[in-house]
Amino acid sequence: MAAVYKFKPYNVGRWVIWSLFALVLLLAPLVFTSNLSTTMLAQMGIAIIACLSYNMLLGQGGMLSFGHAVYTGLGSYMAMHALNAVSAGQLGIPVTLLPLVGGVAGMGFAVLLGYVTTKKAGTPFAMITMGVAELVFAMSLMFSEFFGGEAGVSGNRVAGQPFMGINFGAQIQIYYLIAAYTFVCVALMYAFTQTPLGRMLNAVRDNPERVEFIGYNTQRVRYFAFIIAGFFAGIAGGLGALNFEIVTAEVVGAGRSGAYLLFTFLGGATFFFGPILGAILMIIAFVLLSELTKAWLLYLGLVFLFMVMYAPGGIASLIMMNLRVAKFGKLRQIWTSYLGLGMTALVMLAGAGAMIEMVYHLQLNSALGDIVKFMGVPLNAKSLDSWVGAAFVMLTGLGLFELARRQYLSEWGEIQTEIEKDIKRRETAV
């Protein structure tokens, strides 16, 4: 029988995207050169791995976990203890491999805890993960020999023999180590989505009854995915240990798990690149927004509320919807509506933000006087004029936003109708 040869063309778009991703990781610290920027970029790389590993559970497997920080945090502790062993000459591995120690630790704890956790799905799964998270956090305060108590465990990443002058003392050196791990881990997690196990995990998420009917064990699929997610979470934890050189009980706390859930959802759990966007937003919120205002958690909660109400697919879904519109050449028909929505939203948020800042000033900083600055404008928190002015700006912006929103919805509906007609026309022509 004659051999049949088939030509499979390269996916040029995929090569371009991955090349650009590598280029961004390589050049980012050369563009943002300050120490703060380099530190934030390193934290973004760690957060990208952690959020993508969490999305293996939430987005790909439909498993709502409230305890993902258990595996990033325990990976951090194990990597830190390994680092101290290297510094003491008791362990002969290079610092560059310590994140893998965290990964193996995260995978090991996922093997141990995941077997029980993945016995259930849906709400029971979520409740079990919350219980496990609270158990581990309580243990972190009880077993100070391993967890270091309230002070945590610290170390020095400048350990062992330097390689080609690299000892990871400088922040730029640890950034490039994190960037290398980020690229490899992101590539591996994307490759996982293309494997039979990854596809079966999607099937378990969408229709577990049918998966059971055709002979697959849904618990086993969830368990294997849980273990893999734990491995990558542990790598993120190990990188975090090297970056900060200290690990405290906060890394296994409910707040950290909630942050992974919140920002993975905001980025878009149904798309692979959504958690990457969410991880970037997480570091911006935690590092920059928290420095700008004490009400940053309130703003973050409001953003999450509106995203759940109006864009449950996250930022990634908004991007993909508009790329579809742009593909059919309709984006220019709606850009004025986007401009109107953006301008009126800014006016509304300016008024609401002024009122929020005055409330926080009266509650927390009243001893510093009555004046609070918001967006460069001095406001008297105890003056009726400031409150009336802020309320007027907010209500005016809200009214204009509602008018812009109705206009946008009308134009969006017309564009979607035109796109559907265009699709049917092309199908008929074929």
Protein backbone atom coordinates (compact mmCIF):
# COMPACT_ATOMS: atom_id res chain seq x y z
CA MET A 1 0.00 0.00 0.00
CA ALA A 2 1.43 3.35 -1.08
CA ALA A 3 2.25 5.83 1.65
CA VAL A 4 0.09 8.94 1.75
CA TYR A 5 1.79 12.19 2.69
CA LYS A 6 -0.19 15.14 3.96
CA PHE A 7 1.07 18.67 4.36
CA LYS A 8 0.04 20.34 7.60
CA PRO A 9 0.76 24.10 7.41
CA TYR A 10 2.21 25.95 10.37
CA ASN A 11 -0.16 28.00 12.48
CA VAL A 12 1.54 31.32 11.76
CA GLY A 13 -0.70 33.27 14.12
CA ARG A 14 0.20 31.02 17.03
CA TRP A 15 3.93 31.37 16.34
CA VAL A 16 3.55 35.16 16.20
CA ILE A 17 1.64 35.30 19.50
CA TRP A 18 4.15 33.14 21.36
CA SER A 19 7.07 35.05 19.90
CA LEU A 20 5.52 38.34 20.98
CA PHE A 21 4.91 36.92 24.45
CA ALA A 22 8.57 35.92 24.76
CA LEU A 23 9.65 39.32 23.43
CA VAL A 24 7.49 41.14 25.99
CA LEU A 25 8.98 39.10 28.82
CA LEU A 26 12.48 39.79 27.52
CA LEU A 27 12.14 43.53 26.90
CA ALA A 28 9.73 44.61 29.64
CA PRO A 29 12.42 45.45 32.25
CA LEU A 30 14.33 47.40 29.61
CA VAL A 31 11.29 49.60 29.01
CA PHE A 32 10.20 49.91 32.66
CA THR A 33 13.56 50.42 34.32
CA SER A 34 12.73 51.54 37.87
CA ASN A 35 13.15 49.20 40.83
CA LEU A 36 9.41 49.32 41.50
CA SER A 37 8.64 48.38 37.89
CA THR A 38 11.05 45.44 37.93
CA THR A 39 9.56 44.19 41.20
CA MET A 40 6.03 44.50 39.83
CA LEU A 41 6.99 42.68 36.62
CA ALA A 42 8.44 39.83 38.67
CA GLN A 43 5.26 39.62 40.74
CA MET A 44 3.17 39.64 37.55
CA GLY A 45 5.07 36.64 36.24
CA ILE A 46 4.43 34.73 39.48
CA ALA A 47 0.75 35.75 39.47
CA ILE A 48 0.33 34.63 35.84
CA ILE A 49 1.47 31.09 36.71
CA ALA A 50 -0.73 31.01 39.84
CA CYS A 51 -3.87 32.31 38.09
CA LEU A 52 -3.44 30.00 35.10
CA SER A 53 -2.99 27.03 37.40
CA TYR A 54 -6.16 28.06 39.22
CA ASN A 55 -7.97 28.37 35.91
CA MET A 56 -7.19 24.71 35.19
CA LEU A 57 -9.68 24.05 37.97
CA LEU A 58 -12.21 26.86 37.49
CA GLY A 59 -12.27 27.61 33.78
CA GLN A 60 -11.32 24.26 32.29
CA GLY A 61 -12.75 21.92 34.90
CA GLY A 62 -15.62 23.90 36.39
CA MET A 63 -14.21 23.37 39.90
CA LEU A 64 -14.74 26.41 42.12
CA SER A 65 -11.91 26.22 44.64
CA PHE A 66 -11.62 28.45 47.70
CA GLY A 67 -8.27 27.01 48.75
CA HIS A 68 -5.83 27.27 45.86
CA ALA A 69 -3.41 29.28 48.02
CA VAL A 70 -2.79 26.09 50.01
CA TYR A 71 -0.70 24.71 47.14
CA THR A 72 1.07 27.95 46.21
CA GLY A 73 1.75 28.62 49.89
CA LEU A 74 3.00 25.16 50.82
CA GLY A 75 5.15 25.23 47.70
CA SER A 76 6.62 28.51 48.98
CA TYR A 77 7.40 27.01 52.39
CA MET A 78 9.08 23.94 50.93
CA ALA A 79 11.12 26.02 48.50
CA MET A 80 12.21 28.33 51.34
CA HIS A 81 13.29 25.41 53.51
CA ALA A 82 15.18 24.00 50.53
CA LEU A 83 16.84 27.40 50.01
CA ASN A 84 17.98 27.46 53.63
CA ALA A 85 19.33 23.94 53.22
CA VAL A 86 21.29 25.05 50.15
CA SER A 87 22.67 28.02 52.11
CA ALA A 88 23.74 25.69 54.92
CA GLY A 89 25.45 23.32 52.47
CA GLN A 90 23.02 20.50 53.24
CA LEU A 91 21.46 20.39 49.77
CA GLY A 92 23.43 20.45 46.55
CA ILE A 93 21.01 21.85 43.97
CA PRO A 94 21.24 25.22 42.20
CA VAL A 95 18.93 28.06 43.14
CA THR A 96 17.43 27.98 39.65
CA LEU A 97 15.82 24.60 40.41
CA LEU A 98 14.26 25.59 43.73
CA PRO A 99 10.93 26.57 42.11
CA LEU A 100 10.68 22.95 40.95
CA VAL A 101 11.01 21.91 44.60
CA GLY A 102 7.95 24.07 45.25
CA GLY A 103 6.21 22.48 42.27
CA VAL A 104 6.88 18.95 43.48
CA ALA A 105 5.68 19.96 46.95
CA GLY A 106 2.49 21.48 45.54
CA MET A 107 1.90 18.34 43.50
CA GLY A 108 2.52 16.14 46.53
CA PHE A 109 0.04 18.01 48.69
CA ALA A 110 -2.44 17.96 45.79
CA VAL A 111 -2.06 14.16 45.61
CA LEU A 112 -2.72 13.95 49.34
CA LEU A 113 -5.56 16.46 49.70
CA GLY A 114 -7.00 16.30 46.20
CA TYR A 115 -8.09 12.68 46.48
CA VAL A 116 -10.61 13.65 49.15
CA THR A 117 -11.42 17.04 47.64
CA THR A 118 -12.29 15.78 44.17
CA LYS A 119 -14.61 13.08 45.47
CA LYS A 120 -17.32 15.70 45.12
CA ALA A 121 -18.12 18.32 42.49
CA GLY A 122 -19.97 21.62 42.42
CA THR A 123 -20.87 23.24 45.75
CA PRO A 124 -19.61 20.34 47.94
CA PHE A 125 -16.22 20.60 46.21
CA ALA A 126 -16.08 24.33 46.93
CA MET A 127 -16.97 23.80 50.59
CA ILE A 128 -14.36 21.06 51.01
CA THR A 129 -11.63 23.28 49.54
CA MET A 130 -12.64 26.05 51.93
CA GLY A 131 -12.42 23.63 54.87
CA VAL A 132 -9.00 22.40 53.76
CA ALA A 133 -7.78 25.99 53.38
CA GLU A 134 -8.92 26.92 56.88
CA LEU A 135 -7.32 23.76 58.27
CA VAL A 136 -3.95 24.51 56.68
CA PHE A 137 -4.08 28.15 57.79
CA ALA A 138 -4.80 27.06 61.36
CA MET A 139 -1.88 24.63 61.18
CA SER A 140 0.41 27.45 60.00
CA LEU A 141 -0.11 29.16 63.36
CA MET A 142 0.21 25.96 65.39
CA PHE A 143 3.33 24.27 63.94
CA SER A 144 5.90 27.03 64.19
CA GLU A 145 8.81 24.62 63.58
CA PHE A 146 7.80 24.33 59.92
CA PHE A 147 5.76 27.49 59.32
CA GLY A 148 7.84 29.86 61.42
CA GLY A 149 4.91 31.20 63.42
CA GLU A 150 3.86 34.81 62.90
CA ALA A 151 7.35 35.81 61.77
CA GLY A 152 7.38 33.23 58.98
CA VAL A 153 10.46 31.69 57.40
CA SER A 154 13.09 33.82 55.70
CA GLY A 155 16.15 33.02 53.63
CA ASN A 156 18.81 34.44 51.34
CA ARG A 157 18.57 33.62 47.64
CA VAL A 158 22.25 34.46 47.13
CA ALA A 159 23.28 30.89 47.92
CA GLY A 160 25.60 28.40 46.33
CA GLN A 161 28.16 29.13 43.63
CA PRO A 162 27.32 31.88 41.11
CA PHE A 163 26.93 30.78 37.48
CA MET A 164 28.55 33.13 34.94
CA GLY A 165 28.40 35.92 37.51
CA ILE A 166 24.70 35.37 38.21
CA ASN A 167 23.93 34.99 41.92
CA PHE A 168 20.35 36.37 41.89
CA GLY A 169 21.26 39.17 44.26
CA ALA A 170 20.01 41.82 41.84
CA GLN A 171 16.28 42.10 41.21
CA ILE A 172 16.75 42.08 37.44
CA GLN A 173 18.41 38.64 37.68
CA ILE A 174 15.54 37.13 39.66
CA TYR A 175 13.12 38.75 37.20
CA TYR A 176 14.63 36.92 34.25
CA LEU A 177 14.52 33.64 36.17
CA ILE A 178 10.82 34.25 36.86
CA ALA A 179 10.27 35.25 33.22
CA ALA A 180 11.85 32.01 31.99
CA TYR A 181 9.67 29.92 34.30
CA THR A 182 6.62 31.98 33.31
CA PHE A 183 7.12 31.35 29.61
CA VAL A 184 7.73 27.61 30.03
CA CYS A 185 4.83 27.14 32.48
CA VAL A 186 2.39 29.10 30.33
CA ALA A 187 3.42 27.05 27.29
CA LEU A 188 3.01 23.77 29.20
CA MET A 189 -0.39 24.76 30.59
CA TYR A 190 -1.54 25.73 27.11
CA ALA A 191 -0.26 22.39 25.79
CA PHE A 192 -2.31 20.68 28.53
CA THR A 193 -5.50 22.21 27.09
CA GLN A 194 -4.76 20.41 23.80
CA THR A 195 -4.22 16.97 25.36
CA PRO A 196 -6.91 14.27 25.63
CA LEU A 197 -6.97 14.81 29.41
CA GLY A 198 -7.49 18.53 28.91
CA ARG A 199 -10.33 17.92 26.46
CA MET A 200 -11.89 15.36 28.77
CA LEU A 201 -11.66 17.87 31.62
CA ASN A 202 -13.73 20.29 29.52
CA ALA A 203 -16.25 17.52 28.92
CA VAL A 204 -16.47 16.81 32.65
CA ARG A 205 -17.13 20.50 33.19
CA ASP A 206 -19.86 20.70 30.55
CA ASN A 207 -21.64 17.34 30.87
CA PRO A 208 -20.34 14.97 33.57
CA GLU A 209 -23.32 12.60 33.17
CA ARG A 210 -22.50 11.91 29.53
CA VAL A 211 -18.82 11.43 30.38
CA GLU A 212 -19.79 8.81 32.97
CA PHE A 213 -22.14 7.20 30.45
CA ILE A 214 -19.40 6.62 27.88
CA GLY A 215 -17.19 4.99 30.51
CA TYR A 216 -14.90 7.64 31.98
CA ASN A 217 -14.39 8.18 35.70
CA THR A 218 -15.10 11.89 36.25
CA GLN A 219 -13.55 11.86 39.72
CA ARG A 220 -10.30 10.52 38.30
CA VAL A 221 -10.24 13.20 35.60
CA ARG A 222 -10.80 15.92 38.19
CA TYR A 223 -8.15 14.38 40.45
CA PHE A 224 -5.47 14.28 37.74
CA ALA A 225 -6.23 17.88 36.76
CA PHE A 226 -6.08 18.87 40.43
CA ILE A 227 -2.62 17.33 40.76
CA ILE A 228 -1.31 19.11 37.66
CA ALA A 229 -2.75 22.41 38.86
CA GLY A 230 -1.08 21.83 42.23
CA PHE A 231 2.28 21.35 40.50
CA PHE A 232 2.14 24.66 38.67
CA ALA A 233 0.76 26.40 41.77
CA GLY A 234 3.76 25.11 43.71
CA ILE A 235 6.13 26.51 41.08
CA ALA A 236 4.48 29.91 41.48
CA GLY A 237 4.93 29.59 45.24
CA GLY A 238 8.59 28.66 44.87
CA LEU A 239 9.23 31.66 42.65
CA GLY A 240 7.47 33.86 45.20
CA ALA A 241 9.76 32.53 47.94
CA LEU A 242 12.83 33.44 45.89
CA ASN A 243 11.46 36.85 44.97
CA PHE A 244 10.49 37.98 48.48
CA GLU A 245 12.96 35.86 50.49
CA ILE A 246 10.35 35.42 53.20
CA VAL A 247 7.24 33.27 53.56
CA THR A 248 4.54 34.00 56.14
CA ALA A 249 1.20 32.45 57.02
CA GLU A 250 -0.52 34.95 54.73
CA VAL A 251 0.49 32.90 51.68
CA VAL A 252 -1.89 30.07 52.69
CA GLY A 253 -4.66 32.39 53.89
CA ALA A 254 -8.16 32.77 52.53
CA GLY A 255 -7.35 36.24 51.22
CA ARG A 256 -4.78 34.88 48.79
CA SER A 257 -7.17 32.18 47.54
CA GLY A 258 -9.90 34.79 47.14
CA ALA A 259 -7.55 36.97 45.10
CA TYR A 260 -6.84 34.12 42.68
CA LEU A 261 -10.57 33.54 42.26
CA LEU A 262 -11.45 37.21 41.90
CA PHE A 263 -8.84 38.16 39.33
CA THR A 264 -9.10 34.94 37.33
CA PHE A 265 -12.81 35.70 36.97
CA LEU A 266 -12.18 39.36 36.12
CA GLY A 267 -9.66 38.39 33.46
CA GLY A 268 -11.97 35.79 31.95
CA ALA A 269 -11.97 32.18 33.10
CA THR A 270 -13.42 30.85 29.84
CA PHE A 271 -10.42 31.97 27.77
CA PHE A 272 -6.82 30.84 28.18
CA PHE A 273 -5.39 34.37 28.14
CA GLY A 274 -8.03 35.69 30.55
CA PRO A 275 -6.15 34.72 33.76
CA ILE A 276 -3.03 36.39 32.35
CA LEU A 277 -4.95 39.68 32.16
CA GLY A 278 -6.36 39.04 35.62
CA ALA A 279 -2.90 38.41 37.08
CA ILE A 280 -1.61 41.70 35.69
CA LEU A 281 -4.61 43.53 37.15
CA MET A 282 -4.06 41.81 40.51
CA ILE A 283 -0.53 43.16 40.89
CA ILE A 284 -1.58 46.63 39.72
CA ALA A 285 -4.39 46.65 42.29
CA PHE A 286 -2.31 45.28 45.16
CA VAL A 287 0.79 47.41 44.54
CA LEU A 288 -0.39 50.65 42.91
CA LEU A 289 -4.08 51.07 43.71
CA SER A 290 -3.55 50.21 47.37
CA GLU A 291 -1.01 53.04 47.59
CA LEU A 292 -3.26 55.58 45.93
CA THR A 293 -6.31 55.17 48.15
CA LYS A 294 -7.36 53.41 51.33
CA ALA A 295 -10.70 52.61 49.68
CA TRP A 296 -9.09 50.39 47.05
CA LEU A 297 -10.87 47.26 48.26
CA LEU A 298 -14.21 49.02 47.91
CA TYR A 299 -13.40 50.03 44.34
CA LEU A 300 -12.25 46.50 43.61
CA GLY A 301 -15.47 45.07 45.00
CA LEU A 302 -17.56 47.44 42.88
CA VAL A 303 -15.63 46.48 39.74
CA PHE A 304 -16.19 42.80 40.51
CA LEU A 305 -19.90 43.44 41.10
CA PHE A 306 -20.38 45.22 37.78
CA MET A 307 -18.36 42.60 35.90
CA VAL A 308 -20.55 39.83 37.32
CA MET A 309 -23.68 41.74 36.32
CA TYR A 310 -22.73 42.99 32.87
CA ALA A 311 -19.71 40.98 31.65
CA PRO A 312 -19.64 37.56 33.35
CA GLY A 313 -17.16 36.34 30.77
CA GLY A 314 -14.54 38.78 32.05
CA ILE A 315 -12.32 41.20 30.18
CA ALA A 316 -11.25 38.47 27.74
CA SER A 317 -14.85 37.99 26.60
CA LEU A 318 -15.18 41.73 25.90
CA ILE A 319 -11.99 41.62 23.82
CA MET A 320 -13.14 38.58 21.84
CA MET A 321 -16.58 40.05 21.14
CA ASN A 322 -15.03 43.20 19.75
CA LEU A 323 -12.47 41.23 17.72
CA ARG A 324 -15.42 39.47 16.10
CA VAL A 325 -16.97 42.83 15.27
CA ALA A 326 -13.65 44.09 13.91
CA LYS A 327 -13.26 40.95 11.79
CA PHE A 328 -16.44 41.87 9.90
CA GLY A 329 -15.38 45.52 9.57
CA LYS A 330 -18.10 46.87 11.86
CA LEU A 331 -15.98 48.31 14.68
CA ARG A 332 -15.84 51.78 13.14
CA GLN A 333 -19.63 51.96 13.39
CA ILE A 334 -19.59 51.75 17.16
CA TRP A 335 -16.43 53.53 18.31
CA THR A 336 -18.33 56.76 18.99
CA SER A 337 -20.62 54.87 21.36
CA TYR A 338 -17.57 53.48 23.16
CA LEU A 339 -16.21 57.00 23.47
CA GLY A 340 -19.52 58.21 24.90
CA LEU A 341 -19.67 55.31 27.37
CA GLY A 342 -16.11 55.94 28.51
CA MET A 343 -16.47 59.69 28.99
CA THR A 344 -19.78 59.50 30.84
CA ALA A 345 -18.51 56.63 33.00
CA LEU A 346 -15.49 58.72 34.00
CA VAL A 347 -17.77 61.61 35.00
CA MET A 348 -19.96 59.29 37.06
CA LEU A 349 -16.97 57.64 38.72
CA ALA A 350 -15.39 61.01 39.49
CA GLY A 351 -18.45 62.07 41.47
CA ALA A 352 -18.82 58.72 43.22
CA GLY A 353 -15.08 58.56 43.96
CA ALA A 354 -15.12 62.03 45.51
CA MET A 355 -17.92 60.99 47.89
CA ILE A 356 -16.15 57.74 48.80
CA GLU A 357 -12.86 59.53 49.50
CA MET A 358 -14.59 62.08 51.72
CA VAL A 359 -16.29 59.31 53.70
CA TYR A 360 -12.98 57.49 54.20
CA HIS A 361 -11.27 60.75 55.16
CA LEU A 362 -13.86 61.48 57.84
CA GLN A 363 -13.62 57.94 59.21
CA LEU A 364 -9.86 57.40 59.10
CA ASN A 365 -8.04 60.70 58.65
CA SER A 366 -10.23 63.30 60.35
CA ALA A 367 -7.31 64.30 62.60
CA LEU A 368 -5.43 65.56 59.53
CA GLY A 369 -8.01 68.27 58.86
CA ASP A 370 -11.10 68.69 56.75
CA ILE A 371 -9.44 68.96 53.33
CA VAL A 372 -8.93 65.89 51.18
CA LYS A 373 -7.47 65.95 47.68
CA PHE A 374 -9.14 63.86 44.98
CA MET A 375 -7.72 63.88 41.46
CA GLY A 376 -5.84 67.05 42.36
CA VAL A 377 -8.97 68.88 43.51
CA PRO A 378 -9.18 69.93 47.21
CA LEU A 379 -12.49 68.93 48.81
CA ASN A 380 -13.78 69.93 52.22
CA ALA A 381 -15.16 66.73 53.71
CA LYS A 382 -17.30 68.70 56.19
CA SER A 383 -18.64 71.22 53.70
CA LEU A 384 -22.12 70.78 52.24
CA ASP A 385 -20.96 72.36 48.97
CA SER A 386 -18.43 69.57 48.39
CA TRP A 387 -21.01 66.87 49.01
CA VAL A 388 -23.64 68.53 46.82
CA GLY A 389 -21.10 69.12 44.05
CA ALA A 390 -19.89 65.51 44.14
CA ALA A 391 -23.47 64.19 44.14
CA PHE A 392 -24.38 66.46 41.22
CA VAL A 393 -21.40 65.26 39.18
CA MET A 394 -22.22 61.61 39.94
CA LEU A 395 -25.93 61.90 39.08
CA THR A 396 -25.18 63.88 35.91
CA GLY A 397 -22.68 61.26 34.81
CA LEU A 398 -25.12 58.48 35.67
CA GLY A 399 -27.88 60.06 33.54
CA LEU A 400 -25.57 60.64 30.59
CA PHE A 401 -24.14 57.13 30.95
CA GLU A 402 -27.62 55.63 30.77
CA LEU A 403 -28.36 57.55 27.56
CA ALA A 404 -25.02 56.44 26.06
CA ARG A 405 -25.67 52.86 27.16
CA ARG A 406 -29.05 52.74 25.41
CA GLN A 407 -27.53 54.15 22.23
CA TYR A 408 -24.73 51.60 22.43
CA LEU A 409 -27.12 48.66 22.92
CA SER A 410 -29.17 49.78 19.90
CA GLU A 411 -26.10 50.03 17.67
CA TRP A 412 -24.65 46.76 19.02
CA GLY A 413 -27.88 44.91 18.25
CA GLU A 414 -27.93 46.26 14.69
CA ILE A 415 -24.31 45.25 14.15
CA GLN A 416 -24.92 41.71 15.42
CA THR A 417 -27.89 41.39 13.07
CA GLU A 418 -25.76 42.55 10.14
CA ILE A 419 -23.01 40.07 11.09
CA GLU A 420 -25.47 37.16 11.23
CA LYS A 421 -26.85 38.12 7.82
CA ASP A 422 -23.31 38.33 6.46
CA ILE A 423 -22.50 34.86 7.83
CA LYS A 424 -25.62 33.35 6.27
CA ARG A 425 -24.83 35.08 2.96
CA ARG A 426 -21.36 33.54 2.92
CA GLU A 427 -22.69 30.11 3.78
CA THR A 428 -25.22 30.35 0.96
CA ALA A 429 -22.52 31.43 -1.50
CA VAL A 430 -20.41 28.40 -0.60
